[in-house]
PDB file of N, CA and C in Angstrom:
ATOM      1  N   MET A   1     -30.223  23.598  14.681  1.00  0.00           N
ATOM      2  CA  MET A   1     -29.053  24.405  14.411  1.00  0.00           C
ATOM      3  C   MET A   1     -29.159  24.972  13.001  1.00  0.00           C
ATOM      4  N   SER A   2     -28.708  26.165  12.838  1.00  0.00           N
ATOM      5  CA  SER A   2     -28.807  26.775  11.509  1.00  0.00           C
ATOM      6  C   SER A   2     -27.736  26.213  10.580  1.00  0.00           C
ATOM      7  N   LYS A   3     -27.996  26.360   9.299  1.00  0.00           N
ATOM      8  CA  LYS A   3     -27.047  25.867   8.298  1.00  0.00           C
ATOM      9  C   LYS A   3     -25.715  26.602   8.386  1.00  0.00           C
ATOM     10  N   LYS A   4     -25.744  27.881   8.750  1.00  0.00           N
ATOM     11  CA  LYS A   4     -24.497  28.640   8.859  1.00  0.00           C
ATOM     12  C   LYS A   4     -23.618  28.093   9.987  1.00  0.00           C
ATOM     13  N   ILE A   5     -24.238  27.774  11.109  1.00  0.00           N
ATOM     14  CA  ILE A   5     -23.467  27.239  12.234  1.00  0.00           C
ATOM     15  C   ILE A   5     -22.911  25.861  11.889  1.00  0.00           C
ATOM     16  N   LEU A   6     -23.745  25.019  11.285  1.00  0.00           N
ATOM     17  CA  LEU A   6     -23.279  23.697  10.876  1.00  0.00           C
ATOM     18  C   LEU A   6     -22.139  23.803   9.872  1.00  0.00           C
ATOM     19  N   GLY A   7     -22.273  24.730   8.927  1.00  0.00           N
ATOM     20  CA  GLY A   7     -21.221  24.937   7.932  1.00  0.00           C
ATOM     21  C   GLY A   7     -19.920  25.393   8.571  1.00  0.00           C
ATOM     22  N   ALA A   8     -20.028  26.295   9.553  1.00  0.00           N
ATOM     23  CA  ALA A   8     -18.846  26.797  10.250  1.00  0.00           C
ATOM     24  C   ALA A   8     -18.175  25.672  11.046  1.00  0.00           C
ATOM     25  N   LEU A   9     -18.985  24.867  11.723  1.00  0.00           N
ATOM     26  CA  LEU A   9     -18.431  23.741  12.484  1.00  0.00           C
ATOM     27  C   LEU A   9     -17.744  22.736  11.569  1.00  0.00           C
ATOM     28  N   PHE A  10     -18.378  22.455  10.434  1.00  0.00           N
ATOM     29  CA  PHE A  10     -17.789  21.526   9.475  1.00  0.00           C
ATOM     30  C   PHE A  10     -16.466  22.071   8.954  1.00  0.00           C
ATOM     31  N   GLY A  11     -16.446  23.349   8.595  1.00  0.00           N
ATOM     32  CA  GLY A  11     -15.226  23.982   8.103  1.00  0.00           C
ATOM     33  C   GLY A  11     -14.128  23.982   9.142  1.00  0.00           C
ATOM     34  N   ALA A  12     -14.482  24.243  10.408  1.00  0.00           N
ATOM     35  CA  ALA A  12     -13.495  24.237  11.486  1.00  0.00           C
ATOM     36  C   ALA A  12     -12.935  22.830  11.687  1.00  0.00           C
ATOM     37  N   GLY A  13     -13.799  21.833  11.561  1.00  0.00           N
ATOM     38  CA  GLY A  13     -13.344  20.450  11.690  1.00  0.00           C
ATOM     39  C   GLY A  13     -12.363  20.083  10.593  1.00  0.00           C
ATOM     40  N   LEU A  14     -12.671  20.472   9.361  1.00  0.00           N
ATOM     41  CA  LEU A  14     -11.755  20.198   8.242  1.00  0.00           C
ATOM     42  C   LEU A  14     -10.423  20.901   8.441  1.00  0.00           C
ATOM     43  N   ALA A  15     -10.470  22.143   8.889  1.00  0.00           N
ATOM     44  CA  ALA A  15      -9.230  22.891   9.121  1.00  0.00           C
ATOM     45  C   ALA A  15      -8.399  22.229  10.206  1.00  0.00           C
ATOM     46  N   ALA A  16      -9.040  21.773  11.264  1.00  0.00           N
ATOM     47  CA  ALA A  16      -8.316  21.105  12.349  1.00  0.00           C
ATOM     48  C   ALA A  16      -7.642  19.835  11.848  1.00  0.00           C
ATOM     49  N   MET A  17      -8.336  19.075  11.015  1.00  0.00           N
ATOM     50  CA  MET A  17      -7.734  17.856  10.475  1.00  0.00           C
ATOM     51  C   MET A  17      -6.559  18.189   9.566  1.00  0.00           C
ATOM     52  N   ALA A  18      -6.712  19.198   8.745  1.00  0.00           N
ATOM     53  CA  ALA A  18      -5.652  19.575   7.805  1.00  0.00           C
ATOM     54  C   ALA A  18      -4.406  20.070   8.530  1.00  0.00           C
ATOM     55  N   LEU A  19      -4.591  20.693   9.684  1.00  0.00           N
ATOM     56  CA  LEU A  19      -3.463  21.242  10.425  1.00  0.00           C
ATOM     57  C   LEU A  19      -2.930  20.307  11.498  1.00  0.00           C
ATOM     58  N   SER A  20      -3.480  19.106  11.573  1.00  0.00           N
ATOM     59  CA  SER A  20      -3.022  18.147  12.578  1.00  0.00           C
ATOM     60  C   SER A  20      -1.612  17.687  12.258  1.00  0.00           C
ATOM     61  N   THR A  21      -0.941  17.101  13.240  1.00  0.00           N
ATOM     62  CA  THR A  21       0.437  16.651  13.027  1.00  0.00           C
ATOM     63  C   THR A  21       0.507  15.558  11.970  1.00  0.00           C
ATOM     64  N   GLY A  22      -0.544  14.751  11.838  1.00  0.00           N
ATOM     65  CA  GLY A  22      -0.551  13.697  10.825  1.00  0.00           C
ATOM     66  C   GLY A  22      -0.494  14.247   9.415  1.00  0.00           C
ATOM     67  N   ALA A  23      -1.042  15.436   9.215  1.00  0.00           N
ATOM     68  CA  ALA A  23      -1.037  16.039   7.887  1.00  0.00           C
ATOM     69  C   ALA A  23       0.379  16.419   7.459  1.00  0.00           C
ATOM     70  N   PHE A  24       1.268  16.611   8.444  1.00  0.00           N
ATOM     71  CA  PHE A  24       2.632  17.006   8.126  1.00  0.00           C
ATOM     72  C   PHE A  24       3.603  15.837   8.184  1.00  0.00           C
ATOM     73  N   ALA A  25       3.102  14.630   8.313  1.00  0.00           N
ATOM     74  CA  ALA A  25       3.953  13.451   8.423  1.00  0.00           C
ATOM     75  C   ALA A  25       4.772  13.272   7.156  1.00  0.00           C
ATOM     76  N   GLU A  26       6.010  12.845   7.360  1.00  0.00           N
ATOM     77  CA  GLU A  26       6.899  12.575   6.244  1.00  0.00           C
ATOM     78  C   GLU A  26       6.433  11.353   5.468  1.00  0.00           C
ATOM     79  N   GLU A  27       6.743  11.324   4.188  1.00  0.00           N
ATOM     80  CA  GLU A  27       6.454  10.117   3.422  1.00  0.00           C
ATOM     81  C   GLU A  27       7.354   9.004   3.954  1.00  0.00           C
ATOM     82  N   GLN A  28       6.819   7.804   3.992  1.00  0.00           N
ATOM     83  CA  GLN A  28       7.552   6.686   4.564  1.00  0.00           C
ATOM     84  C   GLN A  28       7.544   5.523   3.577  1.00  0.00           C
ATOM     85  N   LYS A  29       8.676   4.890   3.402  1.00  0.00           N
ATOM     86  CA  LYS A  29       8.787   3.721   2.526  1.00  0.00           C
ATOM     87  C   LYS A  29       8.013   2.559   3.135  1.00  0.00           C
ATOM     88  N   LEU A  30       7.461   1.708   2.258  1.00  0.00           N
ATOM     89  CA  LEU A  30       6.736   0.526   2.732  1.00  0.00           C
ATOM     90  C   LEU A  30       7.618  -0.328   3.637  1.00  0.00           C
ATOM     91  N   ALA A  31       8.867  -0.498   3.271  1.00  0.00           N
ATOM     92  CA  ALA A  31       9.775  -1.322   4.070  1.00  0.00           C
ATOM     93  C   ALA A  31       9.953  -0.737   5.466  1.00  0.00           C
ATOM     94  N   GLU A  32      10.123   0.586   5.566  1.00  0.00           N
ATOM     95  CA  GLU A  32      10.277   1.230   6.877  1.00  0.00           C
ATOM     96  C   GLU A  32       9.024   1.028   7.724  1.00  0.00           C
ATOM     97  N   PHE A  33       7.868   1.146   7.091  1.00  0.00           N
ATOM     98  CA  PHE A  33       6.591   0.956   7.789  1.00  0.00           C
ATOM     99  C   PHE A  33       6.508  -0.465   8.356  1.00  0.00           C
ATOM    100  N   HIS A  34       6.874  -1.449   7.555  1.00  0.00           N
ATOM    101  CA  HIS A  34       6.816  -2.836   8.013  1.00  0.00           C
ATOM    102  C   HIS A  34       7.835  -3.098   9.121  1.00  0.00           C
ATOM    103  N   VAL A  35       9.010  -2.495   9.039  1.00  0.00           N
ATOM    104  CA  VAL A  35      10.019  -2.660  10.080  1.00  0.00           C
ATOM    105  C   VAL A  35       9.486  -2.121  11.404  1.00  0.00           C
ATOM    106  N   GLU A  36       8.900  -0.925  11.378  1.00  0.00           N
ATOM    107  CA  GLU A  36       8.356  -0.320  12.595  1.00  0.00           C
ATOM    108  C   GLU A  36       7.183  -1.123  13.146  1.00  0.00           C
ATOM    109  N   MET A  37       6.342  -1.613  12.259  1.00  0.00           N
ATOM    110  CA  MET A  37       5.134  -2.316  12.670  1.00  0.00           C
ATOM    111  C   MET A  37       5.445  -3.713  13.192  1.00  0.00           C
ATOM    112  N   ASN A  38       6.379  -4.403  12.557  1.00  0.00           N
ATOM    113  CA  ASN A  38       6.615  -5.814  12.865  1.00  0.00           C
ATOM    114  C   ASN A  38       7.932  -6.094  13.572  1.00  0.00           C
ATOM    115  N   GLY A  39       8.716  -5.079  13.837  1.00  0.00           N
ATOM    116  CA  GLY A  39       9.908  -5.298  14.643  1.00  0.00           C
ATOM    117  C   GLY A  39      11.172  -5.700  13.914  1.00  0.00           C
ATOM    118  N   GLY A  40      11.472  -5.118  12.811  1.00  0.00           N
ATOM    119  CA  GLY A  40      12.762  -5.357  12.166  1.00  0.00           C
ATOM    120  C   GLY A  40      12.675  -5.989  10.805  1.00  0.00           C
ATOM    121  N   CYS A  41      13.826  -6.104  10.177  1.00  0.00           N
ATOM    122  CA  CYS A  41      13.918  -6.664   8.830  1.00  0.00           C
ATOM    123  C   CYS A  41      13.478  -8.125   8.786  1.00  0.00           C
ATOM    124  N   ASP A  42      13.587  -8.807   9.940  1.00  0.00           N
ATOM    125  CA  ASP A  42      13.178 -10.222  10.009  1.00  0.00           C
ATOM    126  C   ASP A  42      11.688 -10.412   9.755  1.00  0.00           C
ATOM    127  N   SER A  43      10.909  -9.354   9.847  1.00  0.00           N
ATOM    128  CA  SER A  43       9.477  -9.497   9.588  1.00  0.00           C
ATOM    129  C   SER A  43       9.209  -9.849   8.124  1.00  0.00           C
ATOM    130  N   CYS A  44      10.134  -9.515   7.250  1.00  0.00           N
ATOM    131  CA  CYS A  44       9.976  -9.844   5.830  1.00  0.00           C
ATOM    132  C   CYS A  44      11.096 -10.757   5.308  1.00  0.00           C
ATOM    133  N   HIS A  45      12.290 -10.589   5.848  1.00  0.00           N
ATOM    134  CA  HIS A  45      13.462 -11.322   5.357  1.00  0.00           C
ATOM    135  C   HIS A  45      13.940 -12.351   6.372  1.00  0.00           C
ATOM    136  N   LYS A  46      14.263 -13.554   5.890  1.00  0.00           N
ATOM    137  CA  LYS A  46      14.810 -14.588   6.772  1.00  0.00           C
ATOM    138  C   LYS A  46      16.183 -14.141   7.253  1.00  0.00           C
ATOM    139  N   ASP A  47      16.357 -14.112   8.544  1.00  0.00           N
ATOM    140  CA  ASP A  47      17.606 -13.663   9.170  1.00  0.00           C
ATOM    141  C   ASP A  47      17.968 -12.227   8.771  1.00  0.00           C
ATOM    142  N   GLY A  48      16.972 -11.445   8.363  1.00  0.00           N
ATOM    143  CA  GLY A  48      17.193 -10.041   8.027  1.00  0.00           C
ATOM    144  C   GLY A  48      17.839  -9.788   6.687  1.00  0.00           C
ATOM    145  N   SER A  49      18.059 -10.823   5.896  1.00  0.00           N
ATOM    146  CA  SER A  49      18.714 -10.670   4.591  1.00  0.00           C
ATOM    147  C   SER A  49      17.774 -11.125   3.475  1.00  0.00           C
ATOM    148  N   PRO A  50      17.778 -10.413   2.340  1.00  0.00           N
ATOM    149  CA  PRO A  50      16.913 -10.802   1.224  1.00  0.00           C
ATOM    150  C   PRO A  50      17.249 -12.196   0.691  1.00  0.00           C
ATOM    151  N   SER A  51      16.226 -12.940   0.315  1.00  0.00           N
ATOM    152  CA  SER A  51      16.455 -14.244  -0.309  1.00  0.00           C
ATOM    153  C   SER A  51      16.819 -14.042  -1.774  1.00  0.00           C
ATOM    154  N   ALA A  52      17.450 -15.023  -2.368  1.00  0.00           N
ATOM    155  CA  ALA A  52      17.896 -14.911  -3.757  1.00  0.00           C
ATOM    156  C   ALA A  52      16.729 -14.808  -4.733  1.00  0.00           C
ATOM    157  N   ASP A  53      15.636 -15.523  -4.457  1.00  0.00           N
ATOM    158  CA  ASP A  53      14.518 -15.558  -5.400  1.00  0.00           C
ATOM    159  C   ASP A  53      13.276 -14.786  -4.937  1.00  0.00           C
ATOM    160  N   GLY A  54      13.298 -14.227  -3.730  1.00  0.00           N
ATOM    161  CA  GLY A  54      12.160 -13.461  -3.231  1.00  0.00           C
ATOM    162  C   GLY A  54      11.004 -14.311  -2.733  1.00  0.00           C
ATOM    163  N   GLU A  55      11.169 -15.620  -2.776  1.00  0.00           N
ATOM    164  CA  GLU A  55      10.067 -16.515  -2.388  1.00  0.00           C
ATOM    165  C   GLU A  55       9.744 -16.413  -0.897  1.00  0.00           C
ATOM    166  N   TYR A  56      10.754 -16.329  -0.061  1.00  0.00           N
ATOM    167  CA  TYR A  56      10.519 -16.212   1.380  1.00  0.00           C
ATOM    168  C   TYR A  56       9.733 -14.936   1.690  1.00  0.00           C
ATOM    169  N   GLU A  57      10.139 -13.840   1.083  1.00  0.00           N
ATOM    170  CA  GLU A  57       9.461 -12.561   1.306  1.00  0.00           C
ATOM    171  C   GLU A  57       8.016 -12.621   0.822  1.00  0.00           C
ATOM    172  N   PHE A  58       7.798 -13.278  -0.303  1.00  0.00           N
ATOM    173  CA  PHE A  58       6.438 -13.428  -0.850  1.00  0.00           C
ATOM    174  C   PHE A  58       5.552 -14.187   0.142  1.00  0.00           C
ATOM    175  N   GLU A  59       6.117 -15.222   0.751  1.00  0.00           N
ATOM    176  CA  GLU A  59       5.368 -15.983   1.756  1.00  0.00           C
ATOM    177  C   GLU A  59       5.010 -15.102   2.954  1.00  0.00           C
ATOM    178  N   GLN A  60       5.929 -14.196   3.324  1.00  0.00           N
ATOM    179  CA  GLN A  60       5.658 -13.303   4.448  1.00  0.00           C
ATOM    180  C   GLN A  60       4.537 -12.319   4.100  1.00  0.00           C
ATOM    181  N   CYS A  61       4.535 -11.812   2.880  1.00  0.00           N
ATOM    182  CA  CYS A  61       3.444 -10.913   2.435  1.00  0.00           C
ATOM    183  C   CYS A  61       2.104 -11.630   2.560  1.00  0.00           C
ATOM    184  N   GLN A  62       2.054 -12.854   2.024  1.00  0.00           N
ATOM    185  CA  GLN A  62       0.808 -13.616   2.028  1.00  0.00           C
ATOM    186  C   GLN A  62       0.359 -13.974   3.438  1.00  0.00           C
ATOM    187  N   GLY A  63       1.313 -14.161   4.345  1.00  0.00           N
ATOM    188  CA  GLY A  63       0.977 -14.488   5.716  1.00  0.00           C
ATOM    189  C   GLY A  63       0.168 -13.395   6.392  1.00  0.00           C
ATOM    190  N   CYS A  64       0.410 -12.147   6.019  1.00  0.00           N
ATOM    191  CA  CYS A  64      -0.323 -11.021   6.611  1.00  0.00           C
ATOM    192  C   CYS A  64      -1.463 -10.527   5.720  1.00  0.00           C
ATOM    193  N   HIS A  65      -1.216 -10.460   4.422  1.00  0.00           N
ATOM    194  CA  HIS A  65      -2.172  -9.831   3.505  1.00  0.00           C
ATOM    195  C   HIS A  65      -3.053 -10.817   2.750  1.00  0.00           C
ATOM    196  N   GLY A  66      -2.739 -12.111   2.817  1.00  0.00           N
ATOM    197  CA  GLY A  66      -3.488 -13.107   2.060  1.00  0.00           C
ATOM    198  C   GLY A  66      -2.877 -13.328   0.689  1.00  0.00           C
ATOM    199  N   GLY A  67      -3.300 -14.386   0.039  1.00  0.00           N
ATOM    200  CA  GLY A  67      -2.787 -14.723  -1.285  1.00  0.00           C
ATOM    201  C   GLY A  67      -3.434 -13.898  -2.377  1.00  0.00           C
ATOM    202  N   LEU A  68      -2.771 -13.804  -3.510  1.00  0.00           N
ATOM    203  CA  LEU A  68      -3.295 -13.031  -4.639  1.00  0.00           C
ATOM    204  C   LEU A  68      -4.667 -13.543  -5.082  1.00  0.00           C
ATOM    205  N   ALA A  69      -4.862 -14.848  -5.034  1.00  0.00           N
ATOM    206  CA  ALA A  69      -6.136 -15.438  -5.464  1.00  0.00           C
ATOM    207  C   ALA A  69      -7.296 -15.013  -4.569  1.00  0.00           C
ATOM    208  N   ASP A  70      -6.983 -14.582  -3.359  1.00  0.00           N
ATOM    209  CA  ASP A  70      -8.013 -14.182  -2.401  1.00  0.00           C
ATOM    210  C   ASP A  70      -8.280 -12.686  -2.405  1.00  0.00           C
ATOM    211  N   MET A  71      -7.570 -11.958  -3.244  1.00  0.00           N
ATOM    212  CA  MET A  71      -7.678 -10.496  -3.245  1.00  0.00           C
ATOM    213  C   MET A  71      -8.646 -10.006  -4.317  1.00  0.00           C
ATOM    214  N   ASP A  72      -8.605  -8.704  -4.572  1.00  0.00           N
ATOM    215  CA  ASP A  72      -9.526  -8.078  -5.519  1.00  0.00           C
ATOM    216  C   ASP A  72      -9.165  -8.391  -6.978  1.00  0.00           C
ATOM    217  N   ALA A  73      -9.943  -7.853  -7.891  1.00  0.00           N
ATOM    218  CA  ALA A  73      -9.805  -8.145  -9.325  1.00  0.00           C
ATOM    219  C   ALA A  73      -8.479  -7.671  -9.912  1.00  0.00           C
ATOM    220  N   VAL A  74      -7.805  -6.742  -9.264  1.00  0.00           N
ATOM    221  CA  VAL A  74      -6.495  -6.292  -9.737  1.00  0.00           C
ATOM    222  C   VAL A  74      -5.447  -7.367  -9.468  1.00  0.00           C
ATOM    223  N   HIS A  75      -5.555  -8.040  -8.337  1.00  0.00           N
ATOM    224  CA  HIS A  75      -4.552  -9.002  -7.919  1.00  0.00           C
ATOM    225  C   HIS A  75      -4.788 -10.419  -8.446  1.00  0.00           C
ATOM    226  N   LYS A  76      -6.038 -10.859  -8.507  1.00  0.00           N
ATOM    227  CA  LYS A  76      -6.351 -12.252  -8.860  1.00  0.00           C
ATOM    228  C   LYS A  76      -5.716 -12.731 -10.162  1.00  0.00           C
ATOM    229  N   PRO A  77      -5.734 -11.943 -11.239  1.00  0.00           N
ATOM    230  CA  PRO A  77      -5.158 -12.443 -12.495  1.00  0.00           C
ATOM    231  C   PRO A  77      -3.649 -12.699 -12.430  1.00  0.00           C
ATOM    232  N   HIS A  78      -2.976 -12.138 -11.423  1.00  0.00           N
ATOM    233  CA  HIS A  78      -1.529 -12.290 -11.304  1.00  0.00           C
ATOM    234  C   HIS A  78      -1.130 -13.483 -10.443  1.00  0.00           C
ATOM    235  N   ASP A  79      -2.118 -14.170  -9.875  1.00  0.00           N
ATOM    236  CA  ASP A  79      -1.831 -15.317  -9.020  1.00  0.00           C
ATOM    237  C   ASP A  79      -1.051 -16.374  -9.802  1.00  0.00           C
ATOM    238  N   GLY A  80       0.054 -16.815  -9.245  1.00  0.00           N
ATOM    239  CA  GLY A  80       0.882 -17.823  -9.897  1.00  0.00           C
ATOM    240  C   GLY A  80       1.877 -17.255 -10.892  1.00  0.00           C
ATOM    241  N   MET A  81       1.784 -15.946 -11.181  1.00  0.00           N
ATOM    242  CA  MET A  81       2.699 -15.337 -12.150  1.00  0.00           C
ATOM    243  C   MET A  81       3.643 -14.318 -11.517  1.00  0.00           C
ATOM    244  N   LEU A  82       3.160 -13.611 -10.503  1.00  0.00           N
ATOM    245  CA  LEU A  82       3.954 -12.537  -9.905  1.00  0.00           C
ATOM    246  C   LEU A  82       4.034 -12.683  -8.396  1.00  0.00           C
ATOM    247  N   LYS A  83       5.036 -12.041  -7.837  1.00  0.00           N
ATOM    248  CA  LYS A  83       5.165 -11.906  -6.390  1.00  0.00           C
ATOM    249  C   LYS A  83       4.802 -10.459  -6.043  1.00  0.00           C
ATOM    250  N   CYS A  84       4.412 -10.224  -4.805  1.00  0.00           N
ATOM    251  CA  CYS A  84       3.984  -8.885  -4.386  1.00  0.00           C
ATOM    252  C   CYS A  84       5.015  -7.807  -4.730  1.00  0.00           C
ATOM    253  N   ALA A  85       6.291  -8.087  -4.452  1.00  0.00           N
ATOM    254  CA  ALA A  85       7.343  -7.093  -4.667  1.00  0.00           C
ATOM    255  C   ALA A  85       7.575  -6.791  -6.146  1.00  0.00           C
ATOM    256  N   ASP A  86       7.060  -7.620  -7.049  1.00  0.00           N
ATOM    257  CA  ASP A  86       7.189  -7.316  -8.482  1.00  0.00           C
ATOM    258  C   ASP A  86       6.484  -6.002  -8.815  1.00  0.00           C
ATOM    259  N   CYS A  87       5.419  -5.710  -8.123  1.00  0.00           N
ATOM    260  CA  CYS A  87       4.668  -4.468  -8.366  1.00  0.00           C
ATOM    261  C   CYS A  87       4.849  -3.443  -7.249  1.00  0.00           C
ATOM    262  N   HIS A  88       4.854  -3.901  -6.016  1.00  0.00           N
ATOM    263  CA  HIS A  88       4.799  -2.978  -4.889  1.00  0.00           C
ATOM    264  C   HIS A  88       6.151  -2.438  -4.436  1.00  0.00           C
ATOM    265  N   ALA A  89       7.256  -3.032  -4.814  1.00  0.00           N
ATOM    266  CA  ALA A  89       8.617  -2.527  -4.557  1.00  0.00           C
ATOM    267  C   ALA A  89       8.747  -1.874  -3.176  1.00  0.00           C
ATOM    268  N   PRO A  90       8.723  -2.660  -2.118  1.00  0.00           N
ATOM    269  CA  PRO A  90       8.654  -2.097  -0.771  1.00  0.00           C
ATOM    270  C   PRO A  90       9.802  -1.179  -0.373  1.00  0.00           C
ATOM    271  N   HIS A  91      10.963  -1.333  -0.990  1.00  0.00           N
ATOM    272  CA  HIS A  91      12.077  -0.453  -0.640  1.00  0.00           C
ATOM    273  C   HIS A  91      12.085   0.830  -1.467  1.00  0.00           C
ATOM    274  N   ASP A  92      11.196   0.917  -2.457  1.00  0.00           N
ATOM    275  CA  ASP A  92      11.150   2.099  -3.322  1.00  0.00           C
ATOM    276  C   ASP A  92       9.845   2.887  -3.213  1.00  0.00           C
ATOM    277  N   MET A  93       8.751   2.223  -2.872  1.00  0.00           N
ATOM    278  CA  MET A  93       7.438   2.881  -2.839  1.00  0.00           C
ATOM    279  C   MET A  93       7.103   3.372  -1.440  1.00  0.00           C
ATOM    280  N   ASN A  94       6.338   4.462  -1.388  1.00  0.00           N
ATOM    281  CA  ASN A  94       5.894   5.015  -0.119  1.00  0.00           C
ATOM    282  C   ASN A  94       4.571   4.398   0.310  1.00  0.00           C
ATOM    283  N   VAL A  95       4.317   4.441   1.605  1.00  0.00           N
ATOM    284  CA  VAL A  95       3.042   3.998   2.158  1.00  0.00           C
ATOM    285  C   VAL A  95       1.929   4.792   1.469  1.00  0.00           C
ATOM    286  N   GLY A  96       0.900   4.119   1.035  1.00  0.00           N
ATOM    287  CA  GLY A  96      -0.225   4.771   0.361  1.00  0.00           C
ATOM    288  C   GLY A  96      -0.046   4.929  -1.136  1.00  0.00           C
ATOM    289  N   GLN A  97       1.142   4.713  -1.635  1.00  0.00           N
ATOM    290  CA  GLN A  97       1.405   4.815  -3.071  1.00  0.00           C
ATOM    291  C   GLN A  97       1.032   3.485  -3.712  1.00  0.00           C
ATOM    292  N   HIS A  98       0.370   3.545  -4.840  1.00  0.00           N
ATOM    293  CA  HIS A  98      -0.055   2.328  -5.523  1.00  0.00           C
ATOM    294  C   HIS A  98       0.683   2.185  -6.843  1.00  0.00           C
ATOM    295  N   PRO A  99       1.056   0.967  -7.199  1.00  0.00           N
ATOM    296  CA  PRO A  99       1.739   0.767  -8.482  1.00  0.00           C
ATOM    297  C   PRO A  99       0.780   1.018  -9.641  1.00  0.00           C
ATOM    298  N   THR A 100       1.355   1.300 -10.775  1.00  0.00           N
ATOM    299  CA  THR A 100       0.543   1.466 -11.980  1.00  0.00           C
ATOM    300  C   THR A 100       0.665   0.210 -12.825  1.00  0.00           C
ATOM    301  N   CYS A 101      -0.251   0.046 -13.734  1.00  0.00           N
ATOM    302  CA  CYS A 101      -0.254  -1.144 -14.583  1.00  0.00           C
ATOM    303  C   CYS A 101       0.679  -0.994 -15.784  1.00  0.00           C
ATOM    304  N   GLU A 102       1.049   0.239 -16.124  1.00  0.00           N
ATOM    305  CA  GLU A 102       1.783   0.470 -17.366  1.00  0.00           C
ATOM    306  C   GLU A 102       3.196  -0.082 -17.373  1.00  0.00           C
ATOM    307  N   ALA A 103       3.723  -0.482 -16.225  1.00  0.00           N
ATOM    308  CA  ALA A 103       5.046  -1.097 -16.228  1.00  0.00           C
ATOM    309  C   ALA A 103       5.039  -2.377 -17.055  1.00  0.00           C
ATOM    310  N   CYS A 104       3.889  -3.066 -17.103  1.00  0.00           N
ATOM    311  CA  CYS A 104       3.774  -4.311 -17.864  1.00  0.00           C
ATOM    312  C   CYS A 104       2.723  -4.249 -18.976  1.00  0.00           C
ATOM    313  N   HIS A 105       1.710  -3.430 -18.794  1.00  0.00           N
ATOM    314  CA  HIS A 105       0.588  -3.373 -19.741  1.00  0.00           C
ATOM    315  C   HIS A 105       0.566  -2.016 -20.442  1.00  0.00           C
ATOM    316  N   ASP A 106       0.394  -2.023 -21.752  1.00  0.00           N
ATOM    317  CA  ASP A 106       0.359  -0.770 -22.503  1.00  0.00           C
ATOM    318  C   ASP A 106      -1.020  -0.481 -23.088  1.00  0.00           C
ATOM    319  N   ASP A 107      -2.058  -1.007 -22.451  1.00  0.00           N
ATOM    320  CA  ASP A 107      -3.415  -0.835 -22.985  1.00  0.00           C
ATOM    321  C   ASP A 107      -4.243   0.182 -22.203  1.00  0.00           C
ATOM    322  N   GLY A 108      -3.610   0.974 -21.345  1.00  0.00           N
ATOM    323  CA  GLY A 108      -4.311   2.024 -20.624  1.00  0.00           C
ATOM    324  C   GLY A 108      -5.030   1.571 -19.371  1.00  0.00           C
ATOM    325  N   ARG A 109      -4.873   0.322 -18.977  1.00  0.00           N
ATOM    326  CA  ARG A 109      -5.576  -0.146 -17.777  1.00  0.00           C
ATOM    327  C   ARG A 109      -4.987   0.488 -16.523  1.00  0.00           C
ATOM    328  N   THR A 110      -5.834   0.676 -15.550  1.00  0.00           N
ATOM    329  CA  THR A 110      -5.444   1.164 -14.237  1.00  0.00           C
ATOM    330  C   THR A 110      -6.208   0.348 -13.200  1.00  0.00           C
ATOM    331  N   PRO A 111      -5.707   0.294 -11.966  1.00  0.00           N
ATOM    332  CA  PRO A 111      -6.464  -0.406 -10.932  1.00  0.00           C
ATOM    333  C   PRO A 111      -7.882   0.161 -10.766  1.00  0.00           C
ATOM    334  N   GLU A 112      -8.002   1.484 -10.894  1.00  0.00           N
ATOM    335  CA  GLU A 112      -9.327   2.103 -10.757  1.00  0.00           C
ATOM    336  C   GLU A 112     -10.290   1.630 -11.822  1.00  0.00           C
ATOM    337  N   LYS A 113      -9.810   1.528 -13.058  1.00  0.00           N
ATOM    338  CA  LYS A 113     -10.675   1.043 -14.147  1.00  0.00           C
ATOM    339  C   LYS A 113     -11.080  -0.409 -13.923  1.00  0.00           C
ATOM    340  N   ILE A 114     -10.133  -1.215 -13.480  1.00  0.00           N
ATOM    341  CA  ILE A 114     -10.414  -2.633 -13.255  1.00  0.00           C
ATOM    342  C   ILE A 114     -11.450  -2.811 -12.146  1.00  0.00           C
ATOM    343  N   LEU A 115     -11.307  -2.000 -11.095  1.00  0.00           N
ATOM    344  CA  LEU A 115     -12.207  -2.101  -9.946  1.00  0.00           C
ATOM    345  C   LEU A 115     -13.497  -1.307 -10.141  1.00  0.00           C
ATOM    346  N   GLY A 116     -13.586  -0.547 -11.232  1.00  0.00           N
ATOM    347  CA  GLY A 116     -14.794   0.229 -11.514  1.00  0.00           C
ATOM    348  C   GLY A 116     -14.974   1.411 -10.601  1.00  0.00           C
ATOM    349  N   LYS A 117     -13.874   2.011 -10.159  1.00  0.00           N
ATOM    350  CA  LYS A 117     -13.955   3.179  -9.264  1.00  0.00           C
ATOM    351  C   LYS A 117     -13.855   4.464 -10.037  1.00  0.00           C
TER     352      LYS A 117
END
């Protein structure tokens, strides 16, 4: 196949992906995503209501995603000090949105720098 045909096919494929219905999907809060995926507020909250200290919710995060000590270099140093919602704010952040380090650290660190990406 010629390079022009391959280039045209590649371009058509990219255009099709860009115009797909998924490309126009609304931003969705992490909490909404978990409710849809796991069947209600009970998937994170005991009896559907937030706990006073967030410990129950933290246990639910770890049940699906694993503990901080088992995660990447961004998460491991926070083991024993933070809960997932301290950074990820499920009722405020959108799916695919990542927290920044500057809420607590003022030295310019980012998850990308820590992970070497």
